[in-house]
PDB file of N, CA and C in Angstrom:
ATOM      1  N   MET A   1     -33.846-107.918 -83.063  1.00  0.00           N
ATOM      2  CA  MET A   1     -32.503-107.410 -83.178  1.00  0.00           C
ATOM      3  C   MET A   1     -31.507-108.582 -83.138  1.00  0.00           C
ATOM      4  N   PRO A   2     -30.616-108.624 -84.114  1.00  0.00           N
ATOM      5  CA  PRO A   2     -29.637-109.722 -84.135  1.00  0.00           C
ATOM      6  C   PRO A   2     -28.814-109.749 -82.880  1.00  0.00           C
ATOM      7  N   GLU A   3     -28.327-110.901 -82.486  1.00  0.00           N
ATOM      8  CA  GLU A   3     -27.592-111.096 -81.228  1.00  0.00           C
ATOM      9  C   GLU A   3     -26.294-110.349 -81.201  1.00  0.00           C
ATOM     10  N   ASN A   4     -25.644-110.164 -82.342  1.00  0.00           N
ATOM     11  CA  ASN A   4     -24.317-109.532 -82.340  1.00  0.00           C
ATOM     12  C   ASN A   4     -24.372-107.975 -82.457  1.00  0.00           C
ATOM     13  N   THR A   5     -25.561-107.439 -82.361  1.00  0.00           N
ATOM     14  CA  THR A   5     -25.773-105.981 -82.457  1.00  0.00           C
ATOM     15  C   THR A   5     -25.351-105.270 -81.196  1.00  0.00           C
ATOM     16  N   THR A   6     -24.621-104.207 -81.359  1.00  0.00           N
ATOM     17  CA  THR A   6     -24.271-103.370 -80.193  1.00  0.00           C
ATOM     18  C   THR A   6     -25.303-102.233 -80.095  1.00  0.00           C
ATOM     19  N   VAL A   7     -25.515-101.809 -78.898  1.00  0.00           N
ATOM     20  CA  VAL A   7     -26.414-100.708 -78.618  1.00  0.00           C
ATOM     21  C   VAL A   7     -25.639 -99.567 -78.031  1.00  0.00           C
ATOM     22  N   THR A   8     -25.805 -98.403 -78.566  1.00  0.00           N
ATOM     23  CA  THR A   8     -25.027 -97.241 -78.105  1.00  0.00           C
ATOM     24  C   THR A   8     -25.989 -96.119 -77.643  1.00  0.00           C
ATOM     25  N   TYR A   9     -25.725 -95.540 -76.512  1.00  0.00           N
ATOM     26  CA  TYR A   9     -26.453 -94.376 -76.033  1.00  0.00           C
ATOM     27  C   TYR A   9     -25.523 -93.177 -75.898  1.00  0.00           C
ATOM     28  N   GLU A  10     -25.979 -92.074 -76.386  1.00  0.00           N
ATOM     29  CA  GLU A  10     -25.271 -90.781 -76.127  1.00  0.00           C
ATOM     30  C   GLU A  10     -25.909 -90.246 -74.864  1.00  0.00           C
ATOM     31  N   TRP A  11     -25.095 -89.854 -73.909  1.00  0.00           N
ATOM     32  CA  TRP A  11     -25.648 -89.476 -72.636  1.00  0.00           C
ATOM     33  C   TRP A  11     -25.086 -88.123 -72.159  1.00  0.00           C
ATOM     34  N   ARG A  12     -25.838 -87.443 -71.286  1.00  0.00           N
ATOM     35  CA  ARG A  12     -25.458 -86.253 -70.588  1.00  0.00           C
ATOM     36  C   ARG A  12     -25.777 -86.420 -69.117  1.00  0.00           C
ATOM     37  N   ALA A  13     -24.850 -86.076 -68.267  1.00  0.00           N
ATOM     38  CA  ALA A  13     -25.065 -86.204 -66.847  1.00  0.00           C
ATOM     39  C   ALA A  13     -24.598 -84.911 -66.146  1.00  0.00           C
ATOM     40  N   THR A  14     -25.394 -84.436 -65.220  1.00  0.00           N
ATOM     41  CA  THR A  14     -25.028 -83.336 -64.391  1.00  0.00           C
ATOM     42  C   THR A  14     -24.842 -83.757 -62.955  1.00  0.00           C
ATOM     43  N   VAL A  15     -23.684 -83.482 -62.425  1.00  0.00           N
ATOM     44  CA  VAL A  15     -23.322 -83.878 -61.031  1.00  0.00           C
ATOM     45  C   VAL A  15     -23.227 -82.646 -60.178  1.00  0.00           C
ATOM     46  N   MET A  16     -23.895 -82.643 -58.990  1.00  0.00           N
ATOM     47  CA  MET A  16     -23.825 -81.583 -58.069  1.00  0.00           C
ATOM     48  C   MET A  16     -22.913 -82.000 -56.919  1.00  0.00           C
ATOM     49  N   THR A  17     -21.877 -81.170 -56.674  1.00  0.00           N
ATOM     50  CA  THR A  17     -20.956 -81.437 -55.564  1.00  0.00           C
ATOM     51  C   THR A  17     -21.120 -80.369 -54.533  1.00  0.00           C
ATOM     52  N   VAL A  18     -20.904 -80.683 -53.307  1.00  0.00           N
ATOM     53  CA  VAL A  18     -20.995 -79.706 -52.214  1.00  0.00           C
ATOM     54  C   VAL A  18     -19.721 -79.702 -51.435  1.00  0.00           C
ATOM     55  N   ASN A  19     -19.219 -78.538 -51.176  1.00  0.00           N
ATOM     56  CA  ASN A  19     -17.997 -78.431 -50.352  1.00  0.00           C
ATOM     57  C   ASN A  19     -18.283 -77.421 -49.190  1.00  0.00           C
ATOM     58  N   GLY A  20     -17.305 -77.004 -48.424  1.00  0.00           N
ATOM     59  CA  GLY A  20     -17.473 -76.085 -47.373  1.00  0.00           C
ATOM     60  C   GLY A  20     -17.903 -74.703 -47.775  1.00  0.00           C
ATOM     61  N   VAL A  21     -17.717 -74.354 -49.037  1.00  0.00           N
ATOM     62  CA  VAL A  21     -18.079 -73.012 -49.548  1.00  0.00           C
ATOM     63  C   VAL A  21     -19.430 -72.968 -50.165  1.00  0.00           C
ATOM     64  N   GLY A  22     -19.859 -74.037 -50.823  1.00  0.00           N
ATOM     65  CA  GLY A  22     -21.153 -74.034 -51.449  1.00  0.00           C
ATOM     66  C   GLY A  22     -21.299 -75.271 -52.358  1.00  0.00           C
ATOM     67  N   SER A  23     -22.138 -75.121 -53.331  1.00  0.00           N
ATOM     68  CA  SER A  23     -22.361 -76.296 -54.237  1.00  0.00           C
ATOM     69  C   SER A  23     -22.002 -75.842 -55.678  1.00  0.00           C
ATOM     70  N   ARG A  24     -21.756 -76.833 -56.483  1.00  0.00           N
ATOM     71  CA  ARG A  24     -21.379 -76.609 -57.836  1.00  0.00           C
ATOM     72  C   ARG A  24     -21.898 -77.718 -58.751  1.00  0.00           C
ATOM     73  N   GLU A  25     -22.390 -77.390 -59.926  1.00  0.00           N
ATOM     74  CA  GLU A  25     -22.825 -78.388 -60.871  1.00  0.00           C
ATOM     75  C   GLU A  25     -21.907 -78.458 -62.053  1.00  0.00           C
ATOM     76  N   ARG A  26     -21.669 -79.645 -62.522  1.00  0.00           N
ATOM     77  CA  ARG A  26     -20.795 -79.797 -63.710  1.00  0.00           C
ATOM     78  C   ARG A  26     -21.456 -80.885 -64.622  1.00  0.00           C
ATOM     79  N   THR A  27     -21.426 -80.594 -65.881  1.00  0.00           N
ATOM     80  CA  THR A  27     -22.055 -81.529 -66.843  1.00  0.00           C
ATOM     81  C   THR A  27     -20.992 -82.300 -67.628  1.00  0.00           C
ATOM     82  N   TYR A  28     -21.225 -83.577 -67.775  1.00  0.00           N
ATOM     83  CA  TYR A  28     -20.404 -84.461 -68.532  1.00  0.00           C
ATOM     84  C   TYR A  28     -21.189 -85.125 -69.673  1.00  0.00           C
ATOM     85  N   ALA A  29     -20.510 -85.544 -70.700  1.00  0.00           N
ATOM     86  CA  ALA A  29     -21.274 -86.167 -71.826  1.00  0.00           C
ATOM     87  C   ALA A  29     -20.357 -87.238 -72.410  1.00  0.00           C
ATOM     88  N   GLY A  30     -20.972 -88.238 -73.036  1.00  0.00           N
ATOM     89  CA  GLY A  30     -20.219 -89.258 -73.757  1.00  0.00           C
ATOM     90  C   GLY A  30     -21.114 -90.300 -74.327  1.00  0.00           C
ATOM     91  N   LYS A  31     -20.589 -91.464 -74.535  1.00  0.00           N
ATOM     92  CA  LYS A  31     -21.325 -92.582 -75.110  1.00  0.00           C
ATOM     93  C   LYS A  31     -21.111 -93.835 -74.264  1.00  0.00           C
ATOM     94  N   ALA A  32     -22.155 -94.611 -74.163  1.00  0.00           N
ATOM     95  CA  ALA A  32     -22.133 -95.890 -73.455  1.00  0.00           C
ATOM     96  C   ALA A  32     -22.588 -96.970 -74.410  1.00  0.00           C
ATOM     97  N   THR A  33     -21.858 -98.039 -74.486  1.00  0.00           N
ATOM     98  CA  THR A  33     -22.140 -99.135 -75.450  1.00  0.00           C
ATOM     99  C   THR A  33     -22.290-100.429 -74.738  1.00  0.00           C
ATOM    100  N   GLY A  34     -23.251-101.257 -75.174  1.00  0.00           N
ATOM    101  CA  GLY A  34     -23.459-102.583 -74.641  1.00  0.00           C
ATOM    102  C   GLY A  34     -24.042-103.532 -75.688  1.00  0.00           C
ATOM    103  N   GLY A  35     -24.311-104.725 -75.253  1.00  0.00           N
ATOM    104  CA  GLY A  35     -24.844-105.701 -76.177  1.00  0.00           C
ATOM    105  C   GLY A  35     -26.343-105.639 -76.293  1.00  0.00           C
ATOM    106  N   PRO A  36     -26.963-106.618 -76.891  1.00  0.00           N
ATOM    107  CA  PRO A  36     -28.408-106.660 -77.019  1.00  0.00           C
ATOM    108  C   PRO A  36     -29.076-106.534 -75.652  1.00  0.00           C
ATOM    109  N   GLY A  37     -30.142-105.814 -75.610  1.00  0.00           N
ATOM    110  CA  GLY A  37     -30.857-105.636 -74.320  1.00  0.00           C
ATOM    111  C   GLY A  37     -30.297-104.534 -73.433  1.00  0.00           C
ATOM    112  N   TYR A  38     -29.246-103.904 -73.873  1.00  0.00           N
ATOM    113  CA  TYR A  38     -28.607-102.763 -73.152  1.00  0.00           C
ATOM    114  C   TYR A  38     -29.614-101.659 -73.031  1.00  0.00           C
ATOM    115  N   SER A  39     -29.952-101.237 -71.846  1.00  0.00           N
ATOM    116  CA  SER A  39     -30.990-100.234 -71.654  1.00  0.00           C
ATOM    117  C   SER A  39     -30.461 -98.909 -71.125  1.00  0.00           C
ATOM    118  N   THR A  40     -31.329 -97.934 -71.094  1.00  0.00           N
ATOM    119  CA  THR A  40     -31.027 -96.623 -70.506  1.00  0.00           C
ATOM    120  C   THR A  40     -30.525 -96.736 -69.102  1.00  0.00           C
ATOM    121  N   GLU A  41     -31.183 -97.655 -68.346  1.00  0.00           N
ATOM    122  CA  GLU A  41     -30.797 -97.876 -66.945  1.00  0.00           C
ATOM    123  C   GLU A  41     -29.367 -98.464 -66.875  1.00  0.00           C
ATOM    124  N   ASP A  42     -29.037 -99.377 -67.766  1.00  0.00           N
ATOM    125  CA  ASP A  42     -27.725 -99.921 -67.862  1.00  0.00           C
ATOM    126  C   ASP A  42     -26.698 -98.856 -68.109  1.00  0.00           C
ATOM    127  N   ALA A  43     -27.042 -97.949 -69.045  1.00  0.00           N
ATOM    128  CA  ALA A  43     -26.148 -96.846 -69.395  1.00  0.00           C
ATOM    129  C   ALA A  43     -25.941 -95.940 -68.181  1.00  0.00           C
ATOM    130  N   LYS A  44     -27.018 -95.654 -67.439  1.00  0.00           N
ATOM    131  CA  LYS A  44     -26.906 -94.809 -66.223  1.00  0.00           C
ATOM    132  C   LYS A  44     -25.991 -95.398 -65.219  1.00  0.00           C
ATOM    133  N   LYS A  45     -26.140 -96.738 -64.988  1.00  0.00           N
ATOM    134  CA  LYS A  45     -25.261 -97.431 -64.056  1.00  0.00           C
ATOM    135  C   LYS A  45     -23.762 -97.344 -64.464  1.00  0.00           C
ATOM    136  N   ALA A  46     -23.532 -97.556 -65.793  1.00  0.00           N
ATOM    137  CA  ALA A  46     -22.218 -97.518 -66.280  1.00  0.00           C
ATOM    138  C   ALA A  46     -21.575 -96.075 -66.153  1.00  0.00           C
ATOM    139  N   VAL A  47     -22.380 -95.119 -66.429  1.00  0.00           N
ATOM    140  CA  VAL A  47     -21.892 -93.678 -66.313  1.00  0.00           C
ATOM    141  C   VAL A  47     -21.603 -93.361 -64.823  1.00  0.00           C
ATOM    142  N   SER A  48     -22.551 -93.803 -63.934  1.00  0.00           N
ATOM    143  CA  SER A  48     -22.271 -93.552 -62.535  1.00  0.00           C
ATOM    144  C   SER A  48     -20.975 -94.187 -62.033  1.00  0.00           C
ATOM    145  N   ALA A  49     -20.736 -95.410 -62.484  1.00  0.00           N
ATOM    146  CA  ALA A  49     -19.554 -96.145 -62.085  1.00  0.00           C
ATOM    147  C   ALA A  49     -18.325 -95.387 -62.676  1.00  0.00           C
ATOM    148  N   TRP A  50     -18.435 -94.956 -63.942  1.00  0.00           N
ATOM    149  CA  TRP A  50     -17.296 -94.248 -64.548  1.00  0.00           C
ATOM    150  C   TRP A  50     -17.013 -92.919 -63.867  1.00  0.00           C
ATOM    151  N   LEU A  51     -18.031 -92.182 -63.497  1.00  0.00           N
ATOM    152  CA  LEU A  51     -17.855 -90.958 -62.763  1.00  0.00           C
ATOM    153  C   LEU A  51     -17.119 -91.167 -61.469  1.00  0.00           C
ATOM    154  N   CYS A  52     -17.527 -92.190 -60.748  1.00  0.00           N
ATOM    155  CA  CYS A  52     -16.959 -92.518 -59.415  1.00  0.00           C
ATOM    156  C   CYS A  52     -15.466 -92.927 -59.621  1.00  0.00           C
ATOM    157  N   GLU A  53     -15.231 -93.811 -60.583  1.00  0.00           N
ATOM    158  CA  GLU A  53     -13.846 -94.216 -60.857  1.00  0.00           C
ATOM    159  C   GLU A  53     -12.945 -93.073 -61.285  1.00  0.00           C
ATOM    160  N   SER A  54     -13.598 -92.032 -61.907  1.00  0.00           N
ATOM    161  CA  SER A  54     -12.822 -90.865 -62.340  1.00  0.00           C
ATOM    162  C   SER A  54     -12.618 -89.832 -61.253  1.00  0.00           C
ATOM    163  N   GLY A  55     -13.099 -90.112 -60.066  1.00  0.00           N
ATOM    164  CA  GLY A  55     -12.883 -89.232 -58.961  1.00  0.00           C
ATOM    165  C   GLY A  55     -13.995 -88.153 -58.828  1.00  0.00           C
ATOM    166  N   VAL A  56     -15.081 -88.317 -59.568  1.00  0.00           N
ATOM    167  CA  VAL A  56     -16.165 -87.320 -59.532  1.00  0.00           C
ATOM    168  C   VAL A  56     -17.136 -87.870 -58.453  1.00  0.00           C
ATOM    169  N   HIS A  57     -17.255 -87.148 -57.322  1.00  0.00           N
ATOM    170  CA  HIS A  57     -18.114 -87.566 -56.259  1.00  0.00           C
ATOM    171  C   HIS A  57     -19.157 -86.481 -55.984  1.00  0.00           C
ATOM    172  N   GLY A  58     -20.407 -86.832 -56.004  1.00  0.00           N
ATOM    173  CA  GLY A  58     -21.493 -85.915 -55.777  1.00  0.00           C
ATOM    174  C   GLY A  58     -22.804 -86.610 -56.091  1.00  0.00           C
ATOM    175  N   VAL A  59     -23.810 -85.808 -56.255  1.00  0.00           N
ATOM    176  CA  VAL A  59     -25.163 -86.306 -56.508  1.00  0.00           C
ATOM    177  C   VAL A  59     -25.471 -86.186 -58.035  1.00  0.00           C
ATOM    178  N   LEU A  60     -25.879 -87.241 -58.632  1.00  0.00           N
ATOM    179  CA  LEU A  60     -26.285 -87.228 -60.042  1.00  0.00           C
ATOM    180  C   LEU A  60     -27.615 -86.511 -60.095  1.00  0.00           C
ATOM    181  N   SER A  61     -27.631 -85.262 -60.422  1.00  0.00           N
ATOM    182  CA  SER A  61     -28.852 -84.422 -60.360  1.00  0.00           C
ATOM    183  C   SER A  61     -29.650 -84.485 -61.655  1.00  0.00           C
ATOM    184  N   TYR A  62     -28.963 -84.915 -62.764  1.00  0.00           N
ATOM    185  CA  TYR A  62     -29.668 -84.987 -64.044  1.00  0.00           C
ATOM    186  C   TYR A  62     -28.987 -86.027 -64.886  1.00  0.00           C
ATOM    187  N   PHE A  63     -29.790 -86.859 -65.572  1.00  0.00           N
ATOM    188  CA  PHE A  63     -29.211 -87.816 -66.499  1.00  0.00           C
ATOM    189  C   PHE A  63     -30.177 -88.077 -67.622  1.00  0.00           C
ATOM    190  N   THR A  64     -29.665 -88.036 -68.866  1.00  0.00           N
ATOM    191  CA  THR A  64     -30.442 -88.399 -69.987  1.00  0.00           C
ATOM    192  C   THR A  64     -29.613 -89.191 -70.983  1.00  0.00           C
ATOM    193  N   ALA A  65     -30.217 -90.119 -71.632  1.00  0.00           N
ATOM    194  CA  ALA A  65     -29.527 -90.937 -72.644  1.00  0.00           C
ATOM    195  C   ALA A  65     -30.432 -91.161 -73.849  1.00  0.00           C
ATOM    196  N   ALA A  66     -29.909 -91.019 -75.030  1.00  0.00           N
ATOM    197  CA  ALA A  66     -30.642 -91.241 -76.270  1.00  0.00           C
ATOM    198  C   ALA A  66     -29.964 -92.307 -77.057  1.00  0.00           C
ATOM    199  N   ARG A  67     -30.696 -93.303 -77.447  1.00  0.00           N
ATOM    200  CA  ARG A  67     -30.153 -94.381 -78.266  1.00  0.00           C
ATOM    201  C   ARG A  67     -29.829 -93.907 -79.635  1.00  0.00           C
ATOM    202  N   THR A  68     -28.623 -94.230 -80.089  1.00  0.00           N
ATOM    203  CA  THR A  68     -28.226 -93.820 -81.423  1.00  0.00           C
ATOM    204  C   THR A  68     -28.508 -94.920 -82.404  1.00  0.00           C
ATOM    205  N   ALA A  69     -28.788 -94.567 -83.601  1.00  0.00           N
ATOM    206  CA  ALA A  69     -29.140 -95.542 -84.659  1.00  0.00           C
ATOM    207  C   ALA A  69     -27.917 -96.378 -85.043  1.00  0.00           C
ATOM    208  N   ARG A  70     -28.129 -97.624 -85.315  1.00  0.00           N
ATOM    209  CA  ARG A  70     -27.115 -98.568 -85.708  1.00  0.00           C
ATOM    210  C   ARG A  70     -27.496 -99.174 -87.017  1.00  0.00           C
TER     211      ARG A  70
END
């Protein structure tokens, strides 16, 4: 793979939050992009950080990422 190639993953994540009344699951989706060597685990870390920065706090109960063709 050429060094200037970007790698993009389309991802889906389900987060379970718990409050005093019960629990709730919510699904988010998007794209994560990185340089050569960017992996599914890198995408998961980026998504987890983004969710936290966005104020979404809970347990990441499901995560999947598929590399898109470039």
